Protein backbone atom coordinates (compact mmCIF):
# COMPACT_ATOMS: atom_id res chain seq x y z
CA MET A 1 170.86 29.52 161.82
CA ALA A 2 171.42 28.65 165.70
CA ARG A 3 168.27 28.77 167.87
CA ARG A 4 167.98 29.30 171.45
CA ARG A 5 167.12 26.26 173.73
CA ASP A 6 163.67 28.05 174.84
CA TYR A 7 162.72 27.97 170.87
CA PRO A 8 163.16 24.59 169.64
CA LEU A 9 159.66 24.87 167.89
CA GLY A 10 159.43 28.15 167.13
CA VAL A 11 157.86 29.38 170.64
CA GLU A 12 159.38 30.44 173.97
CA PHE A 13 158.43 28.04 176.73
CA ARG A 14 157.75 30.04 179.85
CA GLY A 15 156.58 29.41 183.36
CA ASN A 16 157.63 27.01 185.88
CA GLU A 17 159.09 23.73 184.76
CA ARG A 18 158.36 21.51 187.81
CA THR A 19 155.35 23.19 189.77
CA MET A 20 151.75 21.89 188.69
CA GLN A 21 150.04 24.65 190.65
CA PHE A 22 146.60 23.29 189.59
CA VAL A 23 147.16 19.63 190.66
CA ARG A 24 145.79 19.93 194.32
CA PRO A 25 143.88 17.07 195.88
CA TYR A 26 140.52 19.06 195.46
CA ARG A 27 138.62 16.03 194.73
CA LYS A 28 138.62 13.31 197.46
CA VAL A 29 136.89 10.60 195.38
CA GLY A 30 139.81 8.63 194.25
CA GLU A 31 143.36 8.59 192.76
CA LEU A 32 144.78 10.73 190.09
CA ASN A 33 144.36 8.88 186.79
CA GLN A 34 147.74 7.34 185.01
CA VAL A 35 147.94 10.08 182.64
CA GLU A 36 147.89 12.63 185.48
CA ARG A 37 150.58 10.79 187.40
CA TRP A 38 152.88 10.77 184.19
CA LYS A 39 152.39 14.68 183.92
CA LEU A 40 153.45 14.77 187.48
CA GLU A 41 156.74 13.03 186.88
CA ARG A 42 157.89 15.34 184.20
CA HIS A 43 156.24 18.30 182.64
CA PRO A 44 154.89 17.50 179.16
CA LEU A 45 156.57 20.10 177.40
CA GLU A 46 159.79 18.64 178.28
CA VAL A 47 159.48 16.23 175.22
CA ALA A 48 160.38 18.82 173.15
CA ASP A 49 164.25 18.78 173.99
CA ALA A 50 163.90 14.90 174.24
CA VAL A 51 162.66 14.60 170.71
CA ILE A 52 165.54 16.80 169.29
CA GLY A 53 168.07 15.28 171.75
CA ARG A 54 167.37 11.68 171.64
CA TYR A 55 164.29 10.15 169.81
CA ALA A 56 165.36 11.67 166.70
CA LYS A 57 168.92 10.09 166.91
CA GLU A 58 168.07 6.67 168.60
CA GLY A 59 164.73 6.06 167.05
CA VAL A 60 161.36 5.09 168.14
CA GLY A 61 162.72 2.68 170.48
CA ALA A 62 164.02 5.09 172.88
CA ILE A 63 160.60 6.80 173.40
CA ALA A 64 158.96 3.35 174.62
CA GLU A 65 162.15 3.43 177.17
CA VAL A 66 160.34 6.28 179.06
CA ALA A 67 156.85 5.61 180.99
CA GLY A 68 153.99 8.18 179.70
CA GLU A 69 156.45 9.59 176.87
CA GLN A 70 154.10 8.80 173.82
CA GLU A 71 151.33 10.77 175.83
CA ARG A 72 153.64 13.59 176.29
CA LEU A 73 154.42 13.49 172.72
CA LYS A 74 150.77 15.17 172.04
CA TRP A 75 152.12 18.47 173.62
CA VAL A 76 154.49 19.05 170.70
CA GLY A 77 151.96 17.82 168.28
CA LEU A 78 152.69 14.26 167.40
CA TYR A 79 150.70 11.04 167.73
CA PRO A 80 151.82 7.68 166.92
CA GLN A 81 149.73 6.50 163.83
CA ARG A 82 147.97 2.94 164.14
CA GLN A 83 150.25 1.47 161.83
CA GLY A 84 153.03 1.33 164.71
CA GLY A 85 156.97 1.82 164.08
CA ASP A 86 158.23 4.69 162.89
CA ALA A 87 155.31 6.63 161.39
CA PHE A 88 153.74 9.81 163.27
CA MET A 89 151.12 12.14 162.48
CA MET A 90 151.96 15.58 162.83
CA ARG A 91 149.35 18.64 163.76
CA VAL A 92 150.47 22.03 163.03
CA LYS A 93 148.69 25.04 164.75
CA VAL A 94 147.01 27.63 163.01
CA PRO A 95 145.42 30.10 165.28
CA GLY A 96 142.38 31.58 163.72
CA GLY A 97 143.06 29.44 160.46
CA ARG A 98 145.18 31.94 159.03
CA LEU A 99 148.00 31.04 157.22
CA THR A 100 150.69 33.39 155.41
CA ALA A 101 151.48 32.37 151.56
CA ALA A 102 154.94 31.15 153.26
CA GLN A 103 153.40 29.32 155.68
CA ALA A 104 151.20 27.17 153.75
CA ARG A 105 154.21 26.47 151.36
CA GLU A 106 156.23 25.35 154.00
CA ILE A 107 153.54 22.87 155.07
CA GLY A 108 153.06 21.70 151.57
CA ILE A 109 156.80 21.09 151.06
CA ALA A 110 156.98 19.14 154.62
CA ALA A 111 154.00 16.76 153.35
CA GLU A 112 155.55 16.30 149.84
CA ALA A 113 159.25 16.03 151.18
CA TYR A 114 158.41 13.69 154.35
CA GLY A 115 154.85 12.50 154.52
CA GLU A 116 155.25 9.89 151.73
CA GLY A 117 153.06 6.55 152.99
CA PRO A 118 153.66 2.87 151.46
CA ASP A 119 150.77 3.07 149.38
CA ASP A 120 148.95 5.36 147.21
CA SER A 121 145.35 6.06 148.06
CA ALA A 122 143.05 5.34 145.12
CA VAL A 123 141.28 8.54 145.94
CA PHE A 124 143.86 10.73 147.29
CA GLY A 125 147.40 9.40 146.05
CA ASN A 126 149.99 9.98 148.66
CA ARG A 127 152.17 12.70 150.48
CA TYR A 128 148.93 14.65 151.75
CA ALA A 129 147.68 16.97 154.40
CA ASP A 130 144.39 17.20 156.26
CA ILE A 131 142.80 20.45 157.23
CA THR A 132 140.88 19.65 160.34
CA THR A 133 137.64 20.94 162.09
CA ARG A 134 140.01 22.84 164.35
CA GLN A 135 141.65 25.08 161.50
CA THR A 136 144.72 23.14 162.05
CA ILE A 137 146.49 20.96 159.42
CA GLN A 138 147.63 17.29 160.12
CA ILE A 139 150.33 15.60 158.24
CA HIS A 140 150.95 11.72 158.01
CA TRP A 141 153.73 9.13 157.98
CA LEU A 142 156.35 11.32 159.38
CA ARG A 143 159.72 9.59 160.99
CA ILE A 144 160.88 10.57 164.24
CA GLY A 145 164.31 11.32 163.04
CA ASP A 146 162.87 14.21 160.29
CA VAL A 147 160.72 15.86 163.11
CA PRO A 148 163.44 18.36 164.23
CA ARG A 149 164.12 19.61 160.66
CA ILE A 150 160.55 19.88 160.02
CA TRP A 151 160.08 22.02 163.50
CA GLU A 152 163.06 24.18 162.08
CA ARG A 153 161.70 25.03 158.81
CA PHE A 154 158.23 25.60 160.29
CA ALA A 155 159.90 28.08 163.12
CA ASP A 156 161.39 29.92 160.22
CA VAL A 157 157.98 30.98 158.85
CA GLY A 158 156.42 31.55 162.35
CA LEU A 159 154.58 28.17 162.68
CA THR A 160 154.55 25.90 165.60
CA THR A 161 153.15 22.45 166.50
CA VAL A 162 153.19 23.06 170.48
CA GLN A 163 149.82 22.20 172.35
CA ALA A 164 148.20 21.30 168.90
CA CYS A 165 147.41 18.36 171.19
CA GLY A 166 147.45 17.32 174.68
CA ASP A 167 145.74 18.43 177.95
CA SER A 168 146.08 21.96 177.01
CA ALA A 169 144.63 24.95 175.00
CA ARG A 170 144.04 23.85 171.56
CA ASN A 171 144.22 25.51 168.34
CA VAL A 172 142.08 29.04 169.10
CA LEU A 173 139.31 29.19 166.53
CA CYS A 174 138.25 32.45 164.51
CA CYS A 175 136.09 33.25 161.62
CA PRO A 176 138.37 32.31 158.40
CA VAL A 177 137.15 35.64 157.10
CA SER A 178 137.63 37.68 159.97
CA GLY A 179 139.13 41.31 158.73
CA VAL A 180 137.26 40.93 155.30
CA ASP A 181 133.76 39.78 156.05
CA ALA A 182 131.25 42.34 154.94
CA HIS A 183 128.92 41.75 157.66
CA GLU A 184 131.10 41.09 160.82
CA VAL A 185 130.58 43.01 163.91
CA PHE A 186 134.30 43.45 164.20
CA ASP A 187 137.70 41.66 163.42
CA ALA A 188 138.05 39.49 166.20
CA LEU A 189 141.43 37.56 164.76
CA PRO A 190 143.77 40.06 166.64
CA VAL A 191 141.77 38.87 169.86
CA ALA A 192 142.14 35.09 169.09
CA LEU A 193 145.60 35.44 168.35
CA GLN A 194 146.10 37.37 171.66
CA VAL A 195 144.79 34.39 173.57
CA SER A 196 146.50 31.66 171.63
CA ASP A 197 149.94 33.53 172.17
CA PHE A 198 149.35 33.25 176.02
CA PHE A 199 148.64 29.88 176.14
CA THR A 200 150.97 28.31 173.45
CA GLY A 201 154.20 27.56 175.62
CA ASN A 202 152.95 28.55 178.98
CA ARG A 203 153.97 25.90 181.19
CA ASP A 204 151.74 26.94 183.86
CA TYR A 205 148.78 26.44 182.00
CA ALA A 206 149.92 23.31 179.97
CA ASN A 207 148.48 20.53 182.19
CA LEU A 208 144.67 20.83 182.61
CA PRO A 209 142.48 18.07 183.14
CA ARG A 210 141.82 17.17 179.28
CA LYS A 211 141.77 19.15 175.94
CA PHE A 212 140.75 23.04 176.13
CA LYS A 213 139.21 24.33 173.18
CA ILE A 214 138.33 28.03 172.61
CA SER A 215 136.56 29.66 169.57
CA VAL A 216 136.60 33.65 169.17
CA THR A 217 134.82 35.36 166.60
CA GLY A 218 133.06 38.71 165.55
CA CYS A 219 130.81 37.30 162.75
CA VAL A 220 127.09 37.07 163.20
CA GLU A 221 127.30 33.68 161.43
CA ASP A 222 128.56 31.43 163.98
CA CYS A 223 130.88 29.79 161.62
CA VAL A 224 133.46 28.49 164.40
CA GLY A 225 130.63 26.65 166.53
CA ALA A 226 130.82 28.82 169.95
CA GLU A 227 128.28 26.17 171.14
CA ILE A 228 130.18 23.41 170.91
CA ASN A 229 133.88 24.68 172.34
CA ASP A 230 135.06 24.38 175.99
CA ILE A 231 134.94 28.32 175.85
CA GLY A 232 133.04 30.19 172.90
CA LEU A 233 133.38 34.23 172.69
CA TRP A 234 130.80 35.49 170.33
CA PRO A 235 129.48 39.10 169.30
CA ALA A 236 127.34 41.27 171.49
CA ARG A 237 126.66 44.82 172.50
CA THR A 238 125.88 46.41 175.85
CA ALA A 239 123.05 49.06 176.46
CA ASP A 240 125.66 51.50 176.25
CA GLY A 241 126.96 50.75 172.82
CA THR A 242 129.85 48.98 173.78
CA VAL A 243 130.91 45.86 171.39
CA GLY A 244 132.53 43.18 172.60
CA PHE A 245 131.80 39.35 173.59
CA ASN A 246 129.09 37.46 175.55
CA VAL A 247 130.58 34.39 176.81
CA LEU A 248 129.49 30.48 176.54
CA ALA A 249 131.11 27.96 178.67
CA GLY A 250 130.95 24.17 178.64
CA GLY A 251 130.40 23.11 175.04
CA GLY A 252 131.50 19.58 173.47
CA LEU A 253 130.79 16.66 171.35
CA SER A 254 131.97 12.82 171.39
CA ASP A 255 130.04 10.96 174.05
CA GLY A 256 128.08 13.17 176.28
CA GLU A 257 127.69 16.01 173.86
CA ARG A 258 126.51 19.24 175.37
CA MET A 259 125.52 22.51 174.07
CA ALA A 260 127.81 25.39 175.90
CA SER A 261 126.00 27.24 178.56
CA ASP A 262 125.41 31.12 178.73
CA ILE A 263 127.16 32.15 182.06
CA ASP A 264 125.60 35.55 181.81
CA VAL A 265 129.33 37.43 181.23
CA PHE A 266 130.07 40.12 178.87
CA ILE A 267 133.73 41.18 178.27
CA GLU A 268 135.32 43.73 176.12
CA PRO A 269 137.96 42.53 173.93
CA THR A 270 140.99 43.57 175.94
CA GLN A 271 139.62 41.40 178.45
CA ALA A 272 139.50 38.41 176.48
CA VAL A 273 142.96 36.71 177.53
CA GLU A 274 142.42 37.52 181.27
CA LEU A 275 138.72 35.54 180.95
CA THR A 276 140.02 32.88 179.20
CA ARG A 277 143.35 32.48 181.76
CA ALA A 278 140.95 32.41 184.69
CA ILE A 279 138.67 29.71 183.12
CA ALA A 280 141.61 27.76 182.45
CA GLN A 281 142.64 28.37 185.94
CA LEU A 282 139.09 27.19 187.06
CA PHE A 283 139.40 24.07 185.01
CA GLY A 284 142.63 23.20 186.16
CA GLU A 285 141.86 23.27 189.91
CA LEU A 286 138.24 21.75 189.93
CA GLY A 287 138.28 19.67 186.97
CA ASN A 288 138.11 15.83 187.51
CA ARG A 289 141.59 14.43 187.19
CA GLU A 290 140.51 10.66 188.33
CA ASN A 291 138.27 9.89 185.29
CA ARG A 292 139.56 10.86 182.10
CA GLY A 293 136.20 9.78 180.40
CA LEU A 294 134.49 12.93 182.69
CA ALA A 295 137.43 15.30 182.74
CA ARG A 296 136.16 17.34 179.92
CA MET A 297 135.01 20.99 181.09
CA ARG A 298 131.43 20.54 179.98
CA TYR A 299 131.08 18.02 182.75
CA LEU A 300 132.48 20.59 185.41
CA VAL A 301 130.11 23.10 183.90
CA GLN A 302 127.34 20.43 184.05
CA GLU A 303 128.12 19.82 187.72
CA LEU A 304 128.15 23.55 188.85
CA GLY A 305 125.27 24.71 186.66
CA PRO A 306 126.06 27.97 184.75
CA GLU A 307 125.49 30.36 187.94
CA GLY A 308 127.68 28.35 189.90
CA PHE A 309 130.40 28.22 187.18
CA ARG A 310 129.97 32.17 186.88
CA SER A 311 130.49 32.66 190.63
CA GLU A 312 133.74 30.46 190.53
CA LEU A 313 134.92 32.38 187.42
CA ASP A 314 134.19 35.63 189.52
CA ALA A 315 136.40 34.69 192.34
CA ARG A 316 139.33 33.93 189.92
CA THR A 317 138.74 36.71 187.32
CA ARG A 318 141.00 40.06 187.87
CA PHE A 319 138.27 42.31 186.91
CA PRO A 320 134.46 42.10 188.00
CA LEU A 321 132.40 40.17 185.70
CA ALA A 322 129.75 42.52 183.42
CA ALA A 323 126.50 41.02 182.76
CA ALA A 324 125.75 39.61 179.12
CA GLY A 325 124.87 42.00 176.65
CA GLU A 326 122.76 41.67 173.44
CA ALA A 327 123.93 38.62 171.51
CA LEU A 328 124.62 39.70 168.07
CA THR A 329 125.10 36.08 166.14
CA ARG A 330 121.98 35.56 163.92
CA ARG A 331 122.27 32.31 162.09
CA HIS A 332 124.68 29.54 161.30
CA ARG A 333 126.67 29.75 158.14
CA GLY A 334 129.23 26.75 158.23
CA ASP A 335 131.50 27.61 155.68
CA HIS A 336 132.35 30.57 153.06
CA VAL A 337 132.59 28.81 150.17
CA GLY A 338 131.85 30.75 147.15
CA VAL A 339 132.61 33.92 145.58
CA HIS A 340 131.63 36.98 148.17
CA PRO A 341 132.23 40.60 148.23
CA GLN A 342 134.67 41.94 151.03
CA ARG A 343 134.26 44.95 153.05
CA GLN A 344 137.11 46.64 151.39
CA ASP A 345 135.56 47.95 147.98
CA GLY A 346 136.61 46.23 144.80
CA LEU A 347 137.82 42.96 146.60
CA VAL A 348 136.16 39.69 147.11
CA TYR A 349 137.16 36.64 148.83
CA VAL A 350 137.01 32.95 147.12
CA GLY A 351 136.02 29.92 149.08
CA CYS A 352 137.03 26.68 147.96
CA SER A 353 135.64 23.35 148.59
CA VAL A 354 138.12 20.73 149.69
CA PRO A 355 136.00 17.38 150.25
CA VAL A 356 136.90 16.10 153.72
CA GLY A 357 139.84 18.68 153.73
CA ARG A 358 142.45 16.32 152.04
CA MET A 359 144.87 18.21 149.60
CA SER A 360 148.44 16.96 148.46
CA GLY A 361 151.33 18.77 149.50
CA ILE A 362 152.07 20.15 145.97
CA GLU A 363 148.37 21.44 146.04
CA LEU A 364 149.14 23.43 149.12
CA VAL A 365 152.24 25.09 147.64
CA GLU A 366 149.73 25.78 144.57
CA ALA A 367 147.38 27.65 147.04
CA ALA A 368 150.17 29.71 148.40
CA ARG A 369 151.01 30.51 144.79
CA LEU A 370 147.45 31.75 143.98
CA SER A 371 147.18 33.72 147.30
CA THR A 372 149.99 35.80 146.17
CA ALA A 373 149.34 35.81 142.51
CA TYR A 374 145.61 37.03 142.89
CA GLY A 375 145.06 37.74 146.52
CA ASP A 376 146.39 39.23 149.73
CA GLY A 377 149.07 36.50 150.42
CA THR A 378 146.65 34.56 153.01
CA VAL A 379 145.32 31.12 152.90
CA ARG A 380 142.38 30.92 155.38
CA LEU A 381 141.42 27.69 156.61
CA GLY A 382 137.70 26.84 157.88
CA THR A 383 136.41 24.63 160.50
CA ASP A 384 134.52 23.08 157.40
CA GLN A 385 137.80 21.77 156.16
CA ASN A 386 137.83 24.27 153.27
CA PHE A 387 140.39 27.08 152.50
CA THR A 388 139.52 30.63 151.45
CA LEU A 389 141.45 32.87 149.09
CA SER A 390 141.17 36.77 150.03
CA GLY A 391 141.73 40.03 148.73
CA VAL A 392 141.05 39.33 145.14
CA ALA A 393 140.36 41.95 142.60
CA GLU A 394 136.78 41.80 141.50
CA GLY A 395 138.47 42.15 137.61
CA ASP A 396 140.94 38.99 138.53
CA VAL A 397 137.84 36.29 139.69
CA ASP A 398 137.47 34.64 136.24
CA ARG A 399 141.08 34.10 135.75
CA LEU A 400 141.70 32.79 139.29
CA LEU A 401 138.51 30.30 138.58
CA ASP A 402 140.13 29.01 135.51
CA GLU A 403 143.31 28.03 137.46
CA GLU A 404 143.42 24.16 137.60
CA LEU A 405 143.64 24.04 141.49
CA LEU A 406 140.01 25.78 141.47
CA GLN A 407 138.75 23.64 138.75
CA LYS A 408 139.42 20.75 141.42
CA TYR A 409 138.52 22.45 144.75
CA SER A 410 135.53 24.44 143.19
CA PRO A 411 133.80 27.49 145.01
CA PHE A 412 130.78 25.97 143.09
CA PRO A 413 130.70 22.37 144.42
CA GLY A 414 127.74 20.17 144.60
CA PRO A 415 125.63 20.47 148.10
CA PHE A 416 127.23 16.81 149.33
CA GLU A 417 130.81 17.67 148.34
CA ARG A 418 130.55 21.25 149.95
CA GLY A 419 129.25 19.71 152.88
CA VAL A 420 131.14 16.43 153.41
CA VAL A 421 133.40 16.51 156.40
CA ALA A 422 135.55 13.61 157.82
CA CYS A 423 137.94 12.42 160.38
CA THR A 424 140.93 10.35 159.60
CA GLY A 425 139.23 6.94 160.36
CA SER A 426 140.74 3.94 160.48
CA GLU A 427 143.37 4.53 157.85
CA PHE A 428 145.41 6.28 160.68
CA CYS A 429 143.45 6.40 164.15
CA ARG A 430 143.48 3.59 166.53
CA PHE A 431 140.07 4.60 167.70
CA ALA A 432 138.35 4.38 164.61
CA VAL A 433 136.67 0.97 163.37
CA VAL A 434 135.91 2.06 159.86
CA GLU A 435 137.50 3.88 157.07
CA THR A 436 136.12 7.34 156.44
CA LYS A 437 137.69 9.72 153.93
CA GLU A 438 138.00 7.58 150.95
CA ARG A 439 134.40 6.48 151.63
CA ALA A 440 132.83 9.91 151.99
CA VAL A 441 134.07 11.36 149.41
CA THR A 442 132.84 8.70 146.98
CA TRP A 443 129.56 8.93 148.59
CA ALA A 444 129.39 12.74 148.15
CA ARG A 445 130.29 12.69 144.27
CA TRP A 446 127.74 9.75 143.73
CA LEU A 447 124.71 11.65 145.73
CA ASP A 448 125.74 14.87 143.68
CA ALA A 449 125.67 13.46 140.33
CA ARG A 450 122.20 12.05 141.19
CA LEU A 451 120.55 14.90 143.10
CA ALA A 452 122.31 18.32 142.55
CA PRO A 453 120.94 20.57 140.02
CA ASP A 454 122.46 20.77 136.68
CA GLY A 455 123.27 23.99 134.66
CA ASP A 456 125.01 27.18 135.10
CA ASP A 457 123.60 30.67 136.38
CA GLU A 458 122.84 33.67 134.20
CA ALA A 459 126.65 34.63 134.31
CA GLY A 460 127.65 31.24 132.86
CA ARG A 461 129.17 30.20 136.00
CA ARG A 462 128.57 27.21 137.99
CA ARG A 463 125.35 27.93 140.44
CA ASP A 464 125.30 27.67 144.20
CA ALA A 465 123.76 24.35 144.78
CA GLY A 466 123.41 25.26 148.40
CA VAL A 467 124.63 22.47 151.00
CA ILE A 468 123.98 19.30 152.66
CA ARG A 469 126.25 18.78 155.69
CA MET A 470 127.39 15.24 155.56
CA HIS A 471 129.86 14.50 158.66
CA PHE A 472 131.60 11.21 159.11
CA SER A 473 133.23 10.21 162.40
CA GLY A 474 135.12 6.74 162.57
CA CYS A 475 133.94 6.09 166.19
CA PRO A 476 132.18 8.21 169.13
CA ALA A 477 135.15 10.55 169.61
CA SER A 478 133.28 12.89 167.34
CA CYS A 479 136.36 14.52 165.43
CA ALA A 480 134.14 15.16 162.32
CA GLN A 481 131.62 16.54 164.34
CA PRO A 482 128.70 14.38 163.04
CA GLN A 483 126.20 15.79 165.92
CA ILE A 484 125.74 19.07 164.26
CA ALA A 485 125.54 17.88 160.55
CA ASP A 486 122.35 17.50 158.56
CA VAL A 487 123.58 13.89 158.18
CA GLY A 488 125.74 12.50 160.73
CA PHE A 489 127.79 9.09 160.46
CA ARG A 490 129.56 7.39 163.47
CA GLY A 491 131.58 4.30 162.99
CA ASP A 492 130.19 0.91 164.10
CA THR A 493 130.18 -3.01 163.16
CA ALA A 494 127.35 -5.01 161.79
CA HIS A 495 127.14 -8.96 161.33
CA VAL A 496 126.12 -9.83 157.82
CA GLY A 497 125.61 -13.49 157.55
CA ASP A 498 128.69 -15.25 159.21
CA HIS A 499 130.86 -11.97 158.57
CA LEU A 500 131.75 -8.73 160.57
CA VAL A 501 131.50 -5.81 158.08
CA GLU A 502 131.99 -2.11 158.59
CA ALA A 503 128.94 -0.25 159.22
CA VAL A 504 127.94 2.92 160.59
CA ASP A 505 125.03 4.61 162.76
CA ILE A 506 122.83 7.28 160.91
CA GLY A 507 121.88 10.61 162.66
CA LEU A 508 119.73 13.26 161.06
CA GLY A 509 118.82 16.95 161.68
CA GLY A 510 121.73 18.54 163.38
CA SER A 511 122.62 22.15 163.42
CA LEU A 512 124.12 25.25 165.38
CA GLY A 513 123.08 28.74 165.27
CA SER A 514 119.55 30.22 166.33
CA ASP A 515 118.23 26.65 165.81
CA ALA A 516 121.01 24.62 167.40
CA ALA A 517 120.31 21.06 168.35
CA PHE A 518 122.08 17.50 167.92
CA ILE A 519 120.97 15.13 165.51
CA ASP A 520 118.73 12.32 166.46
CA TRP A 521 120.52 8.99 166.15
CA ILE A 522 118.19 7.13 163.61
CA ASP A 523 119.57 4.08 162.42
CA GLY A 524 122.36 1.86 163.83
CA ALA A 525 124.96 -0.44 162.56
CA ARG A 526 124.08 -0.25 158.87
CA PRO A 527 126.49 -1.83 156.48
CA VAL A 528 128.45 0.58 154.54
CA ASP A 529 127.54 -0.76 151.32
CA GLU A 530 123.89 -0.06 152.14
CA VAL A 531 124.44 3.61 153.23
CA PRO A 532 124.60 5.52 149.35
CA GLU A 533 121.29 4.24 148.32
CA ALA A 534 119.65 4.58 151.87
CA LEU A 535 120.92 8.46 151.73
CA LEU A 536 119.69 8.58 148.21
CA ARG A 537 115.80 7.73 149.20
CA VAL A 538 116.08 10.25 152.41
CA VAL A 539 117.41 13.03 150.37
CA THR A 540 114.94 12.63 147.40
CA ARG A 541 112.06 12.53 149.84
CA TYR A 542 113.44 15.81 151.30
CA GLN A 543 113.43 16.77 148.10
CA ASN A 544 109.72 15.87 147.38
CA GLU A 545 108.44 17.43 150.94
CA ARG A 546 110.30 20.47 151.63
CA ARG A 547 108.59 23.33 152.19
CA ASP A 548 109.92 26.86 150.36
CA GLY A 549 113.29 27.63 151.73
CA GLU A 550 113.40 24.92 154.10
CA ALA A 551 116.79 23.47 155.17
CA PHE A 552 117.09 19.75 155.52
CA HIS A 553 117.75 19.62 159.35
CA ASN A 554 114.49 21.57 159.69
CA TRP A 555 112.73 18.99 157.44
CA ALA A 556 114.39 16.02 159.35
CA ARG A 557 113.14 17.39 162.83
CA ARG A 558 109.67 17.68 161.90
CA THR A 559 109.52 14.28 160.24
CA PRO A 560 108.83 11.51 162.49
CA ASN A 561 111.79 9.17 163.52
CA ASP A 562 110.18 6.29 162.60
CA GLU A 563 109.29 7.27 159.15
CA LEU A 564 113.14 8.36 158.55
CA ARG A 565 114.01 5.07 159.54
CA ALA A 566 111.68 3.31 157.36
CA THR A 567 112.67 5.62 154.44
CA LEU A 568 116.53 4.62 155.08
CA SER A 569 115.68 0.84 155.21
CA GLY A 570 113.79 1.15 151.89
CA MET A 571 110.43 0.20 153.69
CA GLU A 572 106.97 1.17 152.50
CA THR A 573 104.90 2.93 155.04
CA GLU A 574 101.32 3.69 154.99
CA LEU A 575 102.21 7.05 155.89
CA ASP A 576 101.54 9.98 153.76
CA THR A 577 104.88 11.19 152.23
CA GLY A 578 103.51 14.12 150.41
CA VAL A 579 103.97 17.69 151.41
CA ARG A 580 103.18 18.17 154.94
CA GLN A 581 101.25 21.28 156.24
């Protein structure tokens, strides 16, 4: 099937190819950074034609001949792996986390057919795909010569990798069970898709100072983390009963983490595209293009203040800004694991736990099969790196739970397997200093074996054991979002005798929602071999001291940091470790 030149990756490229309307010398501090200069030399989206017409034919050496081309590859979802040579990671955009069965199957086939690494992982095998904390899927070990064929197959089922990376709007998040959640205010997925469609392939908004992250949700449980996105749209109601979104701006993690500011704006769903466009324009015009370390939008919001940011936004939005309405978010849920009734009578959705988000390509194909055999033909990805099957008839649940895939990715996991999240770590990332995914899964299973409750519920099914969120990032970039976890790890190194070993910084007590707060970093550079026993001591203490219904993060916050540090270290203290009043 012949494809038009404007659709090399299943999306129309539109807008001006040359003019960078937002790159003007607003700031007089210094020169544009090197990445900004590369982007001015050639529009980043032009790399798509270069991959198809030259690099896939001539090989990776041709990429190195063009200044800045490795950076531009991000705009079409490609990163060179740390191994170098002809080894690439491809990130697939999945707006709102919603995949059709055909799309899930095609991603699985791509991982199986093209993603074979040189060695098998002792935990994960080979030819796998990773669900990310932005509801995308990453495939590793791809060769540049295979990329155009993969893009063609993805385009045939409505998938694209355009702007899954790069200094532009990344994958737009939405509640993974939008449209079926029994308690949501409204189905926000159509809004998320409209926002995604506006930015994807739009040259005029594809050169922002840094990555630009948006979440849109109509659910009351903050499962996509509005507070840690550049733009967070979450449900609200005005005094006259109009339902829409309140707007948060300037959230983010990595170094310099920041909770998003309430900028006192309410919008109706039909205004979401224009609102996000205007914020992108504001960011593009006023964001820092000299220092990439200070180029994220949260620094601009901090600089201007919420009121100043709102004023600048008001000058760029094509409708008058209304004051914020009543916020309808009630709590932070974080995942949709388990079997839950839908808003549609007689149907349930089944949230499956995938520790650290890694599945083989064949398993993704099987998830696609199950979604049509038992459900509505969709596979829904969450920011917790899990997947959900929806539209399952109540009478079919037991048969679905008996399927082999759900025996492995159970809706009833232990609390640590349910809550474990990890980035790719030093296995693939050149910034990470420790291995993450294999280690995180091993720790979670070890802890569950020692701490999780045994036995089934009254129906003879595995009981809901709750969740303890353990997030592991291999470096300070925070791709695994450790700052909002019950237990967060950040890759580090430590000296043990004459040797340098892998280590982690350990933080406790993070969460989002009504009691949102970042973790406190309690312990630094603890060798990884010491971590499981240290965690066992802390969680055992939590189980002994917690108040009725008290979550781990609340217990950690009321326990002095020096006591937590002593418990991690296994040091005896004179402090009473009984139940605190």
